[in-house]
Amino acid sequence: SCVPSDNDQTMEDIPQDVIERSFHTILNIIRCTVCLKPARPEIHRIRQCAAGHLVCGMCKIKVKECPDCKQPFSSTELPLYISQILEALPKRCKFTNCEVFLINDDEHQKWCGFQCDRCWIVNCGWSGPNRDLLSHIQQQHSTQLIVEGKCTLSVPQDVETERYFPISVYGQLFWVDTFPESEYFTVWFILVPNGRPEEEYCIELSFTAGRVFSEFKFKYDVESPRSTQISIPNSRLPSLVDKDGLLTFKVEISKWKQ
C-alpha cells in the first residue's frame, strides 16, 4: 500500500521545530484571553466563551465578556479534551510574577516568595510579595526590626491587643506574635515563606520576674509553623509580670544542633 501510516511514529521521529510549533499552537488554544498565560482555575473555575476562548478563574472577575471576541462566557463545564490538555501541561506556580514550573507535587508554592501578605506592624498598610517584606521593614520600620535572632520583648498586660514583632536571622524573617486570650497568653513563631529554609531552627523563650523564671526550648516545625507556639495559663501571669505591669521575655532563634 502507498498510503502513509503514522501508527509507529514516536516523539523521537518528529523534528524538534515541528514539536515546538505544535506545542505553541496548543498553548494558544488554552491560553487565558486576559492574562495570555495557560488558563488555570485557582479559586474560581475556568470559563469558556461562546467562541471557545478561555479565561482563568481569577481573570474572569475582571471582565464581563471575552476581550477577544466580545462574546459572553458560559457557565457550563469545559470540554473534557480541554481539561485533559490543561492537566497534562507543565504547571506554573500560581503566584503572580513567579515563573517557576512545578515538578509533580513539589512544595514550591508552599514556600514561594511571590505569595502575598501584609506587614503586621501596627498602623502599616503595606502589602505585597513575601520576598519584599524584609526590605520593606528595613526601610520603613528599621527601629522595630530585631536582628541576629536575639531580643527582649515587653508586652503590657493591661492591653488585650495582639502584637507582632519582626525578627531577621540567617536571611529569614520571623514574626513573633503575642496573643492574649481568655485563658492563655500565647506566643506564636511564624516563619515568612520566602524559599524553603535550608536550616532547622531552635526557639528559646524565657520569662523572668523577680525570683520567678520560666524557660522553653524547642525545634521549630517548618512543616507545621502554626503549631509552633507557647501558651501560658493566665493564672500564672501575675507571677511573671513586673512592677510596671509588663510581661518581659527573652527570645533567641538559632540553628538547631543535633
Protein backbone atom coordinates (compact mmCIF):
# COMPACT_ATOMS: atom_id res chain seq x y z
CA SER A 1 0.00 0.00 0.00
CA CYS A 2 1.19 3.51 -0.80
CA VAL A 3 -0.91 5.09 1.98
CA PRO A 4 1.43 6.54 4.65
CA SER A 5 0.89 5.44 8.21
CA ASP A 6 1.71 7.23 11.46
CA ASN A 7 0.88 4.24 13.64
CA ASP A 8 4.51 3.57 14.52
CA GLN A 9 5.57 7.19 14.86
CA THR A 10 7.15 8.27 18.12
CA MET A 11 8.25 11.64 19.52
CA GLU A 12 11.81 10.83 18.52
CA ASP A 13 10.68 10.69 14.86
CA ILE A 14 9.28 14.23 14.89
CA PRO A 15 11.68 17.13 14.21
CA GLN A 16 12.16 19.45 17.21
CA ASP A 17 10.95 22.53 15.34
CA VAL A 18 7.69 20.74 14.45
CA ILE A 19 7.17 19.77 18.10
CA GLU A 20 7.76 23.35 19.20
CA ARG A 21 5.29 24.75 16.65
CA SER A 22 2.66 22.21 17.70
CA PHE A 23 3.22 22.98 21.38
CA HIS A 24 2.83 26.73 20.74
CA THR A 25 -0.41 26.02 18.90
CA ILE A 26 -1.70 24.06 21.91
CA LEU A 27 -0.67 26.92 24.22
CA ASN A 28 -2.63 29.38 22.07
CA ILE A 29 -5.70 27.15 22.30
CA ILE A 30 -5.67 27.01 26.09
CA ARG A 31 -4.30 30.47 26.88
CA CYS A 32 -6.35 32.85 29.02
CA THR A 33 -7.77 35.67 26.94
CA VAL A 34 -6.97 38.17 29.72
CA CYS A 35 -3.52 37.33 31.14
CA LEU A 36 -2.41 35.45 27.97
CA LYS A 37 -0.95 32.56 30.01
CA PRO A 38 -2.27 29.00 30.16
CA ALA A 39 -5.65 29.20 31.86
CA ARG A 40 -5.75 27.94 35.45
CA PRO A 41 -8.61 27.60 37.89
CA GLU A 42 -7.06 28.95 41.12
CA ILE A 43 -10.01 29.96 43.36
CA HIS A 44 -12.68 30.03 40.63
CA ARG A 45 -13.00 27.55 37.78
CA ILE A 46 -12.01 28.28 34.19
CA ARG A 47 -14.72 29.67 31.90
CA GLN A 48 -15.12 29.48 28.12
CA CYS A 49 -16.85 31.96 25.84
CA ALA A 50 -19.21 31.04 23.02
CA ALA A 51 -16.31 31.17 20.54
CA GLY A 52 -14.17 28.81 22.63
CA HIS A 53 -11.77 31.29 24.22
CA LEU A 54 -10.76 30.51 27.81
CA VAL A 55 -10.37 32.75 30.85
CA CYS A 56 -8.72 31.99 34.20
CA GLY A 57 -10.89 31.73 37.28
CA MET A 58 -9.44 34.91 38.78
CA CYS A 59 -9.19 36.79 35.48
CA LYS A 60 -12.92 36.23 34.89
CA ILE A 61 -13.60 38.58 37.83
CA LYS A 62 -12.03 41.43 35.84
CA VAL A 63 -14.18 41.10 32.68
CA LYS A 64 -17.84 40.65 31.77
CA GLU A 65 -17.26 39.43 28.22
CA CYS A 66 -14.45 37.88 26.18
CA PRO A 67 -11.84 40.54 25.27
CA ASP A 68 -11.04 38.68 22.04
CA CYS A 69 -14.50 38.35 20.51
CA LYS A 70 -16.89 40.20 22.88
CA GLN A 71 -18.93 37.01 23.35
CA PRO A 72 -20.34 36.18 26.82
CA PHE A 73 -18.75 33.49 28.97
CA SER A 74 -20.62 30.25 29.54
CA SER A 75 -21.20 28.65 32.95
CA THR A 76 -21.06 25.12 31.51
CA GLU A 77 -18.20 22.71 32.19
CA LEU A 78 -15.18 22.77 29.89
CA PRO A 79 -14.99 20.09 27.18
CA LEU A 80 -13.17 17.03 28.50
CA TYR A 81 -10.32 17.32 25.99
CA ILE A 82 -9.56 20.90 27.14
CA SER A 83 -9.44 19.76 30.76
CA GLN A 84 -7.14 16.89 29.79
CA ILE A 85 -4.78 19.20 27.90
CA LEU A 86 -4.64 21.64 30.83
CA GLU A 87 -3.92 18.79 33.23
CA ALA A 88 -1.14 17.39 31.02
CA LEU A 89 0.71 20.68 30.53
CA PRO A 90 3.58 21.74 32.80
CA LYS A 91 2.11 23.78 35.62
CA ARG A 92 3.48 27.17 36.50
CA CYS A 93 3.45 28.44 40.10
CA LYS A 94 0.08 30.09 40.81
CA PHE A 95 1.54 33.24 42.37
CA THR A 96 1.74 36.37 40.22
CA ASN A 97 5.15 37.06 38.62
CA CYS A 98 6.61 33.68 39.63
CA GLU A 99 7.95 31.88 36.57
CA VAL A 100 8.76 28.55 38.25
CA PHE A 101 7.26 25.38 36.77
CA LEU A 102 6.13 22.80 39.30
CA ILE A 103 7.54 19.28 39.32
CA ASN A 104 4.93 16.72 40.32
CA ASP A 105 3.66 17.72 43.76
CA ASP A 106 6.71 19.64 44.95
CA GLU A 107 6.38 22.17 47.76
CA HIS A 108 7.42 25.23 45.78
CA GLN A 109 4.08 27.02 46.17
CA LYS A 110 4.10 26.49 49.95
CA TRP A 111 7.41 28.39 50.18
CA CYS A 112 7.14 30.68 47.16
CA GLY A 113 8.35 34.20 47.92
CA PHE A 114 5.83 35.70 45.47
CA GLN A 115 2.83 34.81 47.64
CA CYS A 116 1.42 37.98 49.14
CA ASP A 117 0.93 39.02 52.72
CA ARG A 118 0.77 42.24 54.68
CA CYS A 119 3.09 43.95 57.11
CA TRP A 120 1.74 43.19 60.58
CA ILE A 121 3.34 46.16 62.31
CA VAL A 122 0.69 48.40 63.87
CA ASN A 123 -0.79 51.05 61.54
CA CYS A 124 1.19 49.88 58.50
CA GLY A 125 -0.88 49.39 55.37
CA TRP A 126 1.83 47.75 53.22
CA SER A 127 1.03 44.53 51.40
CA GLY A 128 2.98 42.69 48.75
CA PRO A 129 5.04 39.60 47.98
CA ASN A 130 6.84 37.96 50.90
CA ARG A 131 10.19 38.35 49.12
CA ASP A 132 9.88 42.15 49.53
CA LEU A 133 8.64 42.18 53.13
CA LEU A 134 12.02 42.18 54.87
CA SER A 135 13.26 45.02 52.64
CA HIS A 136 10.09 46.98 53.45
CA ILE A 137 10.61 46.55 57.19
CA GLN A 138 14.31 47.50 56.91
CA GLN A 139 13.37 50.71 55.09
CA GLN A 140 10.18 51.72 56.90
CA HIS A 141 10.42 50.12 60.35
CA SER A 142 14.16 49.74 60.94
CA THR A 143 13.88 50.65 64.63
CA GLN A 144 11.42 47.81 65.20
CA LEU A 145 13.33 45.13 63.30
CA ILE A 146 15.17 42.68 65.54
CA VAL A 147 18.38 41.34 64.01
CA GLU A 148 20.70 38.47 64.84
CA GLY A 149 17.82 36.47 66.33
CA LYS A 150 18.10 37.76 69.92
CA CYS A 151 15.85 40.21 71.70
CA THR A 152 14.00 41.11 74.87
CA LEU A 153 10.32 41.91 74.39
CA SER A 154 7.89 43.58 76.77
CA VAL A 155 4.12 43.43 76.47
CA PRO A 156 1.71 45.44 78.71
CA GLN A 157 -0.68 43.09 80.44
CA ASP A 158 -3.50 45.62 80.72
CA VAL A 159 -3.84 45.84 76.92
CA GLU A 160 -5.65 42.95 75.24
CA THR A 161 -4.15 43.55 71.79
CA GLU A 162 -2.35 41.13 69.50
CA ARG A 163 1.16 42.35 68.69
CA TYR A 164 3.71 41.34 66.08
CA PHE A 165 7.50 41.71 66.35
CA PRO A 166 9.73 41.11 63.26
CA ILE A 167 12.95 39.13 63.72
CA SER A 168 15.54 38.73 60.96
CA VAL A 169 18.01 35.85 61.28
CA TYR A 170 20.00 33.73 58.77
CA GLY A 171 18.33 35.55 55.87
CA GLN A 172 14.86 34.55 57.09
CA LEU A 173 12.09 36.69 58.56
CA PHE A 174 10.06 35.56 61.56
CA TRP A 175 7.09 37.18 63.22
CA VAL A 176 6.77 36.80 66.98
CA ASP A 177 3.03 37.09 67.57
CA THR A 178 1.87 37.77 71.15
CA PHE A 179 -1.80 36.95 71.52
CA PRO A 180 -3.78 37.47 74.77
CA GLU A 181 -6.68 35.01 75.01
CA SER A 182 -9.39 34.42 77.59
CA GLU A 183 -7.49 31.61 79.35
CA TYR A 184 -3.95 31.82 77.96
CA PHE A 185 -1.25 34.21 76.86
CA THR A 186 0.10 32.73 73.61
CA VAL A 187 3.33 33.43 71.77
CA TRP A 188 3.41 32.25 68.15
CA PHE A 189 6.53 31.98 65.99
CA ILE A 190 5.73 32.42 62.28
CA LEU A 191 8.34 31.96 59.53
CA VAL A 192 7.51 34.10 56.50
CA PRO A 193 7.66 31.85 53.39
CA ASN A 194 10.40 33.01 51.01
CA GLY A 195 12.01 29.82 49.72
CA ARG A 196 12.20 26.63 51.71
CA PRO A 197 14.74 27.14 54.54
CA GLU A 198 17.91 25.08 54.33
CA GLU A 199 18.42 25.20 58.10
CA GLU A 200 16.45 23.88 61.04
CA TYR A 201 15.84 26.36 63.83
CA CYS A 202 15.85 26.29 67.61
CA ILE A 203 13.49 28.59 69.53
CA GLU A 204 14.36 29.63 73.09
CA LEU A 205 11.94 31.64 75.18
CA SER A 206 12.44 32.67 78.81
CA PHE A 207 10.37 34.71 81.28
CA THR A 208 11.89 36.35 84.35
CA ALA A 209 10.18 38.44 87.03
CA GLY A 210 11.88 38.74 90.40
CA ARG A 211 12.71 35.25 91.54
CA VAL A 212 10.35 33.58 89.10
CA PHE A 213 11.93 32.06 85.99
CA SER A 214 10.33 30.00 83.19
CA GLU A 215 12.19 28.73 80.14
CA PHE A 216 11.11 26.94 76.94
CA LYS A 217 13.29 25.46 74.22
CA PHE A 218 12.10 23.58 71.15
CA LYS A 219 12.76 22.84 67.48
CA TYR A 220 10.81 24.99 65.04
CA ASP A 221 8.50 22.85 62.92
CA VAL A 222 8.75 24.15 59.32
CA GLU A 223 6.11 21.65 58.19
CA SER A 224 3.50 22.99 60.60
CA PRO A 225 4.50 26.53 61.57
CA ARG A 226 1.24 27.32 63.30
CA SER A 227 1.87 24.52 65.78
CA THR A 228 5.00 26.32 66.99
CA GLN A 229 3.65 28.21 69.95
CA ILE A 230 3.91 28.64 73.70
CA SER A 231 0.75 29.09 75.77
CA ILE A 232 0.92 30.26 79.39
CA PRO A 233 -2.19 30.00 81.59
CA ASN A 234 -3.41 33.43 82.62
CA SER A 235 -3.38 32.24 86.22
CA ARG A 236 0.44 32.18 86.05
CA LEU A 237 0.86 35.63 84.52
CA PRO A 238 0.77 37.69 87.77
CA SER A 239 3.96 35.96 88.92
CA LEU A 240 5.70 36.84 85.62
CA VAL A 241 4.61 40.49 85.37
CA ASP A 242 7.00 43.14 86.73
CA LYS A 243 6.15 46.13 88.90
CA ASP A 244 5.38 48.22 85.80
CA GLY A 245 2.75 45.75 84.59
CA LEU A 246 4.93 44.43 81.79
CA LEU A 247 5.36 40.81 80.77
CA THR A 248 9.00 40.73 79.70
CA PHE A 249 10.62 37.77 77.98
CA LYS A 250 13.75 36.93 76.03
CA VAL A 251 13.66 35.32 72.60
CA GLU A 252 16.50 33.66 70.75
CA ILE A 253 16.34 31.94 67.36
CA SER A 254 19.41 29.89 66.45
CA LYS A 255 20.37 26.96 64.24
CA TRP A 256 19.19 23.63 65.56
CA LYS A 257 22.07 21.44 66.72
CA GLN A 258 21.58 17.68 66.59
